[in-house]
Amino acid sequence: MDQKLKQRLVGAVVLISLAVIFIPIILEGPDDEWSPRVQEIPVPPQIEYPAEVELPLPAESPPEAPAAQEPAVSPVAKETGTLRPEPAPAPAPDEVKPPAPAAKPATPVAKPAATSGSWIIQVGSFSQKLNASGLRDRLNKTGYKSYLQETPSGNGKTWRVLVGPYETRTAAEEQRDRIKREHHLKGMVTQSRE
């Protein structure tokens, strides 16, 4: 073939392929894929809520015992700067009221049996006694000597779940590792303060 004929054929193929690509773009305008899509936020559904229900008020609790009164300070003590409290006058016999019966007797926290061991394992610390009791009962069912210890905290009371006591630290650490394997609880070995 002639060299000029080859060049003309290649040029014609290039022009045809460019026409196939660009003519639809020019005739149709910008494609949707190139222009930004704008979507409107749908209107929130109208949900009708039932009318408000009035709940009954809880029963009134029995009146609490009166708080301890502050001791009275004599006027002489105020002037001299010595603050010795005056003894409160004794109530008359007809004013004495019998103490109100307690609504519910306090349940004592279980103490461990008296042993000579001084190492314990703390496996949990809870702000709710029910949760601590549940863990203690679960450990007792599997053969561990566990008990609760109530301690004051910034938000009220905390109940610690303790296992033991053990004679040596090594024995306590072995039991801690066993508890970790069986119950997936990470315990902390400490020396008993009692």
C-alpha atoms as a PDB file:
ATOM      1  CA  MET A   1       0.000   0.000   0.000  1.00  0.00           C
ATOM      2  CA  ASP A   2       0.956   3.490  -0.596  1.00  0.00           C
ATOM      3  CA  GLN A   3       2.308   5.552   2.355  1.00  0.00           C
ATOM      4  CA  LYS A   4      -0.097   8.422   1.738  1.00  0.00           C
ATOM      5  CA  LEU A   5      -3.066   6.038   1.655  1.00  0.00           C
ATOM      6  CA  LYS A   6      -2.049   4.567   5.043  1.00  0.00           C
ATOM      7  CA  GLN A   7      -1.819   8.016   6.575  1.00  0.00           C
ATOM      8  CA  ARG A   8      -5.239   8.958   5.218  1.00  0.00           C
ATOM      9  CA  LEU A   9      -6.816   5.764   6.588  1.00  0.00           C
ATOM     10  CA  VAL A  10      -5.255   6.269  10.056  1.00  0.00           C
ATOM     11  CA  GLY A  11      -6.399   9.897  10.077  1.00  0.00           C
ATOM     12  CA  ALA A  12      -9.929   8.884   9.042  1.00  0.00           C
ATOM     13  CA  VAL A  13     -10.085   6.263  11.876  1.00  0.00           C
ATOM     14  CA  VAL A  14      -8.891   8.834  14.440  1.00  0.00           C
ATOM     15  CA  LEU A  15     -11.451  11.408  13.249  1.00  0.00           C
ATOM     16  CA  ILE A  16     -14.293   8.872  13.314  1.00  0.00           C
ATOM     17  CA  SER A  17     -13.402   7.655  16.830  1.00  0.00           C
ATOM     18  CA  LEU A  18     -13.195  11.263  18.108  1.00  0.00           C
ATOM     19  CA  ALA A  19     -16.564  11.997  16.510  1.00  0.00           C
ATOM     20  CA  VAL A  20     -18.091   8.912  18.173  1.00  0.00           C
ATOM     21  CA  ILE A  21     -16.826  10.096  21.562  1.00  0.00           C
ATOM     22  CA  PHE A  22     -17.516  13.844  21.449  1.00  0.00           C
ATOM     23  CA  ILE A  23     -20.647  14.244  19.278  1.00  0.00           C
ATOM     24  CA  PRO A  24     -23.003  12.605  21.861  1.00  0.00           C
ATOM     25  CA  ILE A  25     -21.534  14.819  24.612  1.00  0.00           C
ATOM     26  CA  ILE A  26     -22.035  17.977  22.558  1.00  0.00           C
ATOM     27  CA  LEU A  27     -25.588  17.079  21.492  1.00  0.00           C
ATOM     28  CA  GLU A  28     -26.861  15.815  24.892  1.00  0.00           C
ATOM     29  CA  GLY A  29     -25.302  18.494  27.093  1.00  0.00           C
ATOM     30  CA  PRO A  30     -23.571  17.775  30.409  1.00  0.00           C
ATOM     31  CA  ASP A  31     -23.992  14.270  31.710  1.00  0.00           C
ATOM     32  CA  ASP A  32     -25.724  13.706  35.064  1.00  0.00           C
ATOM     33  CA  GLU A  33     -22.614  12.045  36.446  1.00  0.00           C
ATOM     34  CA  TRP A  34     -20.615  15.254  36.069  1.00  0.00           C
ATOM     35  CA  SER A  35     -23.149  17.651  37.563  1.00  0.00           C
ATOM     36  CA  PRO A  36     -23.657  17.771  41.352  1.00  0.00           C
ATOM     37  CA  ARG A  37     -26.721  15.990  42.650  1.00  0.00           C
ATOM     38  CA  VAL A  38     -29.135  17.904  44.818  1.00  0.00           C
ATOM     39  CA  GLN A  39     -31.430  15.950  47.085  1.00  0.00           C
ATOM     40  CA  GLU A  40     -34.111  17.427  49.237  1.00  0.00           C
ATOM     41  CA  ILE A  41     -34.472  16.382  52.840  1.00  0.00           C
ATOM     42  CA  PRO A  42     -37.679  14.405  53.242  1.00  0.00           C
ATOM     43  CA  VAL A  43     -40.419  15.787  55.430  1.00  0.00           C
ATOM     44  CA  PRO A  44     -40.401  14.122  58.873  1.00  0.00           C
ATOM     45  CA  PRO A  45     -43.286  11.724  59.406  1.00  0.00           C
ATOM     46  CA  GLN A  46     -46.168  12.896  61.528  1.00  0.00           C
ATOM     47  CA  ILE A  47     -46.309  10.579  64.534  1.00  0.00           C
ATOM     48  CA  GLU A  48     -49.181  10.861  66.935  1.00  0.00           C
ATOM     49  CA  TYR A  49     -48.217  10.032  70.480  1.00  0.00           C
ATOM     50  CA  PRO A  50     -50.770   8.722  72.956  1.00  0.00           C
ATOM     51  CA  ALA A  51     -52.020  11.136  75.567  1.00  0.00           C
ATOM     52  CA  GLU A  52     -49.915  11.523  78.683  1.00  0.00           C
ATOM     53  CA  VAL A  53     -50.747   9.025  81.379  1.00  0.00           C
ATOM     54  CA  GLU A  54     -50.771  10.157  84.968  1.00  0.00           C
ATOM     55  CA  LEU A  55     -49.030   7.687  87.241  1.00  0.00           C
ATOM     56  CA  PRO A  56     -50.165   7.275  90.833  1.00  0.00           C
ATOM     57  CA  LEU A  57     -47.918   8.824  93.452  1.00  0.00           C
ATOM     58  CA  PRO A  58     -45.936   6.413  95.636  1.00  0.00           C
ATOM     59  CA  ALA A  59     -47.224   5.781  99.130  1.00  0.00           C
ATOM     60  CA  GLU A  60     -45.917   8.210 101.708  1.00  0.00           C
ATOM     61  CA  SER A  61     -42.987   6.912 103.703  1.00  0.00           C
ATOM     62  CA  PRO A  62     -43.191   6.925 107.507  1.00  0.00           C
ATOM     63  CA  PRO A  63     -41.815  10.089 109.094  1.00  0.00           C
ATOM     64  CA  GLU A  64     -38.138   9.912 109.902  1.00  0.00           C
ATOM     65  CA  ALA A  65     -36.754  10.318 113.389  1.00  0.00           C
ATOM     66  CA  PRO A  66     -35.868  13.937 114.138  1.00  0.00           C
ATOM     67  CA  ALA A  67     -32.263  14.853 113.485  1.00  0.00           C
ATOM     68  CA  ALA A  68     -29.954  15.348 116.427  1.00  0.00           C
ATOM     69  CA  GLN A  69     -30.217  18.880 117.692  1.00  0.00           C
ATOM     70  CA  GLU A  70     -27.167  21.073 117.963  1.00  0.00           C
ATOM     71  CA  PRO A  71     -26.177  21.680 121.577  1.00  0.00           C
ATOM     72  CA  ALA A  72     -27.224  25.049 122.954  1.00  0.00           C
ATOM     73  CA  VAL A  73     -24.427  27.496 123.740  1.00  0.00           C
ATOM     74  CA  SER A  74     -24.815  29.700 126.783  1.00  0.00           C
ATOM     75  CA  PRO A  75     -24.725  33.484 126.290  1.00  0.00           C
ATOM     76  CA  VAL A  76     -21.813  33.710 128.736  1.00  0.00           C
ATOM     77  CA  ALA A  77     -19.826  31.272 126.634  1.00  0.00           C
ATOM     78  CA  LYS A  78     -20.486  33.362 123.530  1.00  0.00           C
ATOM     79  CA  GLU A  79     -19.125  36.490 125.227  1.00  0.00           C
ATOM     80  CA  THR A  80     -16.017  34.809 126.651  1.00  0.00           C
ATOM     81  CA  GLY A  81     -15.232  32.921 123.463  1.00  0.00           C
ATOM     82  CA  THR A  82     -15.327  29.476 125.060  1.00  0.00           C
ATOM     83  CA  LEU A  83     -17.828  27.329 123.317  1.00  0.00           C
ATOM     84  CA  ARG A  84     -18.932  24.820 125.901  1.00  0.00           C
ATOM     85  CA  PRO A  85     -22.281  23.386 125.033  1.00  0.00           C
ATOM     86  CA  GLU A  86     -25.009  23.603 127.642  1.00  0.00           C
ATOM     87  CA  PRO A  87     -26.655  20.319 128.446  1.00  0.00           C
ATOM     88  CA  ALA A  88     -29.989  19.976 126.676  1.00  0.00           C
ATOM     89  CA  PRO A  89     -32.966  19.924 129.020  1.00  0.00           C
ATOM     90  CA  ALA A  90     -34.395  16.450 129.587  1.00  0.00           C
ATOM     91  CA  PRO A  91     -37.800  15.955 127.990  1.00  0.00           C
ATOM     92  CA  ALA A  92     -40.799  15.629 130.282  1.00  0.00           C
ATOM     93  CA  PRO A  93     -42.074  12.050 130.720  1.00  0.00           C
ATOM     94  CA  ASP A  94     -45.290  12.779 128.818  1.00  0.00           C
ATOM     95  CA  GLU A  95     -43.285  14.168 125.858  1.00  0.00           C
ATOM     96  CA  VAL A  96     -41.222  11.030 125.380  1.00  0.00           C
ATOM     97  CA  LYS A  97     -42.399   9.163 122.297  1.00  0.00           C
ATOM     98  CA  PRO A  98     -41.634   5.503 121.747  1.00  0.00           C
ATOM     99  CA  PRO A  99     -39.303   5.006 118.779  1.00  0.00           C
ATOM    100  CA  ALA A 100     -41.005   4.177 115.506  1.00  0.00           C
ATOM    101  CA  PRO A 101     -40.499   0.567 114.408  1.00  0.00           C
ATOM    102  CA  ALA A 102     -37.969   0.171 111.627  1.00  0.00           C
ATOM    103  CA  ALA A 103     -39.484  -0.506 108.241  1.00  0.00           C
ATOM    104  CA  LYS A 104     -36.942  -3.184 107.362  1.00  0.00           C
ATOM    105  CA  PRO A 105     -34.153  -4.542 109.530  1.00  0.00           C
ATOM    106  CA  ALA A 106     -30.727  -4.064 108.026  1.00  0.00           C
ATOM    107  CA  THR A 107     -29.174  -7.250 106.716  1.00  0.00           C
ATOM    108  CA  PRO A 108     -25.666  -7.713 108.019  1.00  0.00           C
ATOM    109  CA  VAL A 109     -22.836  -8.107 105.551  1.00  0.00           C
ATOM    110  CA  ALA A 110     -21.423 -11.618 105.617  1.00  0.00           C
ATOM    111  CA  LYS A 111     -18.048 -11.904 107.315  1.00  0.00           C
ATOM    112  CA  PRO A 112     -15.556 -14.676 106.570  1.00  0.00           C
ATOM    113  CA  ALA A 113     -15.019 -17.478 108.988  1.00  0.00           C
ATOM    114  CA  ALA A 114     -12.278 -16.729 111.476  1.00  0.00           C
ATOM    115  CA  THR A 115      -9.012 -17.995 110.052  1.00  0.00           C
ATOM    116  CA  SER A 116      -5.428 -17.031 110.475  1.00  0.00           C
ATOM    117  CA  GLY A 117      -4.874 -16.150 106.783  1.00  0.00           C
ATOM    118  CA  SER A 118      -4.043 -12.608 105.872  1.00  0.00           C
ATOM    119  CA  TRP A 119      -4.198 -12.588 102.041  1.00  0.00           C
ATOM    120  CA  ILE A 120      -7.436 -11.990 100.122  1.00  0.00           C
ATOM    121  CA  ILE A 121      -8.472 -11.611  96.479  1.00  0.00           C
ATOM    122  CA  GLN A 122     -10.718  -8.717  95.452  1.00  0.00           C
ATOM    123  CA  VAL A 123     -12.637  -9.847  92.374  1.00  0.00           C
ATOM    124  CA  GLY A 124     -15.084  -6.956  92.081  1.00  0.00           C
ATOM    125  CA  SER A 125     -16.272  -3.627  93.445  1.00  0.00           C
ATOM    126  CA  PHE A 126     -19.900  -2.592  92.946  1.00  0.00           C
ATOM    127  CA  SER A 127     -22.027   0.447  93.720  1.00  0.00           C
ATOM    128  CA  GLN A 128     -25.148  -1.735  93.941  1.00  0.00           C
ATOM    129  CA  LYS A 129     -25.342  -4.422  96.599  1.00  0.00           C
ATOM    130  CA  LEU A 130     -27.517  -6.658  94.416  1.00  0.00           C
ATOM    131  CA  ASN A 131     -24.772  -6.961  91.794  1.00  0.00           C
ATOM    132  CA  ALA A 132     -22.137  -7.705  94.423  1.00  0.00           C
ATOM    133  CA  SER A 133     -24.349 -10.347  96.039  1.00  0.00           C
ATOM    134  CA  GLY A 134     -24.891 -12.016  92.673  1.00  0.00           C
ATOM    135  CA  LEU A 135     -21.153 -12.367  92.062  1.00  0.00           C
ATOM    136  CA  ARG A 136     -20.583 -13.579  95.628  1.00  0.00           C
ATOM    137  CA  ASP A 137     -23.285 -16.246  95.246  1.00  0.00           C
ATOM    138  CA  ARG A 138     -21.875 -17.361  91.881  1.00  0.00           C
ATOM    139  CA  LEU A 139     -18.409 -17.774  93.409  1.00  0.00           C
ATOM    140  CA  ASN A 140     -19.794 -19.602  96.473  1.00  0.00           C
ATOM    141  CA  LYS A 141     -21.627 -22.094  94.213  1.00  0.00           C
ATOM    142  CA  THR A 142     -18.345 -23.009  92.530  1.00  0.00           C
ATOM    143  CA  GLY A 143     -16.563 -23.683  95.827  1.00  0.00           C
ATOM    144  CA  TYR A 144     -14.821 -20.411  96.664  1.00  0.00           C
ATOM    145  CA  LYS A 145     -15.087 -18.816 100.115  1.00  0.00           C
ATOM    146  CA  SER A 146     -16.323 -15.367  99.082  1.00  0.00           C
ATOM    147  CA  TYR A 147     -17.930 -12.566 101.066  1.00  0.00           C
ATOM    148  CA  LEU A 148     -18.913  -8.893 100.795  1.00  0.00           C
ATOM    149  CA  GLN A 149     -17.210  -5.942 102.427  1.00  0.00           C
ATOM    150  CA  GLU A 150     -19.064  -2.629 102.617  1.00  0.00           C
ATOM    151  CA  THR A 151     -16.873   0.463 102.264  1.00  0.00           C
ATOM    152  CA  PRO A 152     -17.780   4.160 102.132  1.00  0.00           C
ATOM    153  CA  SER A 153     -17.073   5.995  98.888  1.00  0.00           C
ATOM    154  CA  GLY A 154     -17.588   9.443  97.434  1.00  0.00           C
ATOM    155  CA  ASN A 155     -21.015   8.535  96.024  1.00  0.00           C
ATOM    156  CA  GLY A 156     -22.317   6.580  99.014  1.00  0.00           C
ATOM    157  CA  LYS A 157     -21.370   2.967  99.628  1.00  0.00           C
ATOM    158  CA  THR A 158     -19.360   0.442  97.659  1.00  0.00           C
ATOM    159  CA  TRP A 159     -19.510  -3.323  98.079  1.00  0.00           C
ATOM    160  CA  ARG A 160     -16.330  -5.266  97.411  1.00  0.00           C
ATOM    161  CA  VAL A 161     -16.467  -8.985  96.610  1.00  0.00           C
ATOM    162  CA  LEU A 162     -13.565 -10.721  98.340  1.00  0.00           C
ATOM    163  CA  VAL A 163     -12.357 -14.327  98.200  1.00  0.00           C
ATOM    164  CA  GLY A 164     -10.262 -15.880 100.936  1.00  0.00           C
ATOM    165  CA  PRO A 165      -8.449 -15.450 103.256  1.00  0.00           C
ATOM    166  CA  TYR A 166      -5.329 -17.459 102.367  1.00  0.00           C
ATOM    167  CA  GLU A 167      -2.242 -18.218 104.452  1.00  0.00           C
ATOM    168  CA  THR A 168       0.327 -17.086 101.873  1.00  0.00           C
ATOM    169  CA  ARG A 169       0.433 -14.683  98.975  1.00  0.00           C
ATOM    170  CA  THR A 170       1.410 -17.560  96.663  1.00  0.00           C
ATOM    171  CA  ALA A 171      -1.733 -19.509  97.567  1.00  0.00           C
ATOM    172  CA  ALA A 172      -3.864 -16.405  96.947  1.00  0.00           C
ATOM    173  CA  GLU A 173      -2.221 -15.793  93.558  1.00  0.00           C
ATOM    174  CA  GLU A 174      -2.855 -19.410  92.521  1.00  0.00           C
ATOM    175  CA  GLN A 175      -6.537 -19.039  93.398  1.00  0.00           C
ATOM    176  CA  ARG A 176      -6.683 -15.696  91.558  1.00  0.00           C
ATOM    177  CA  ASP A 177      -5.337 -17.368  88.400  1.00  0.00           C
ATOM    178  CA  ARG A 178      -7.884 -20.195  88.791  1.00  0.00           C
ATOM    179  CA  ILE A 179     -10.739 -17.682  89.155  1.00  0.00           C
ATOM    180  CA  LYS A 180      -9.498 -15.885  86.045  1.00  0.00           C
ATOM    181  CA  ARG A 181      -9.553 -19.131  84.041  1.00  0.00           C
ATOM    182  CA  GLU A 182     -12.933 -20.335  85.308  1.00  0.00           C
ATOM    183  CA  HIS A 183     -14.905 -17.077  85.638  1.00  0.00           C
ATOM    184  CA  HIS A 184     -12.960 -14.624  83.434  1.00  0.00           C
ATOM    185  CA  LEU A 185     -12.541 -12.254  86.406  1.00  0.00           C
ATOM    186  CA  LYS A 186      -9.331 -10.345  86.907  1.00  0.00           C
ATOM    187  CA  GLY A 187      -8.714 -10.381  90.645  1.00  0.00           C
ATOM    188  CA  MET A 188      -6.342  -8.350  92.776  1.00  0.00           C
ATOM    189  CA  VAL A 189      -4.392  -9.955  95.639  1.00  0.00           C
ATOM    190  CA  THR A 190      -4.121  -7.747  98.727  1.00  0.00           C
ATOM    191  CA  GLN A 191      -3.316  -8.158 102.369  1.00  0.00           C
ATOM    192  CA  SER A 192      -6.336  -8.275 104.667  1.00  0.00           C
ATOM    193  CA  ARG A 193      -6.783  -5.213 106.911  1.00  0.00           C
ATOM    194  CA  GLU A 194      -8.904  -6.949 109.514  1.00  0.00           C
END
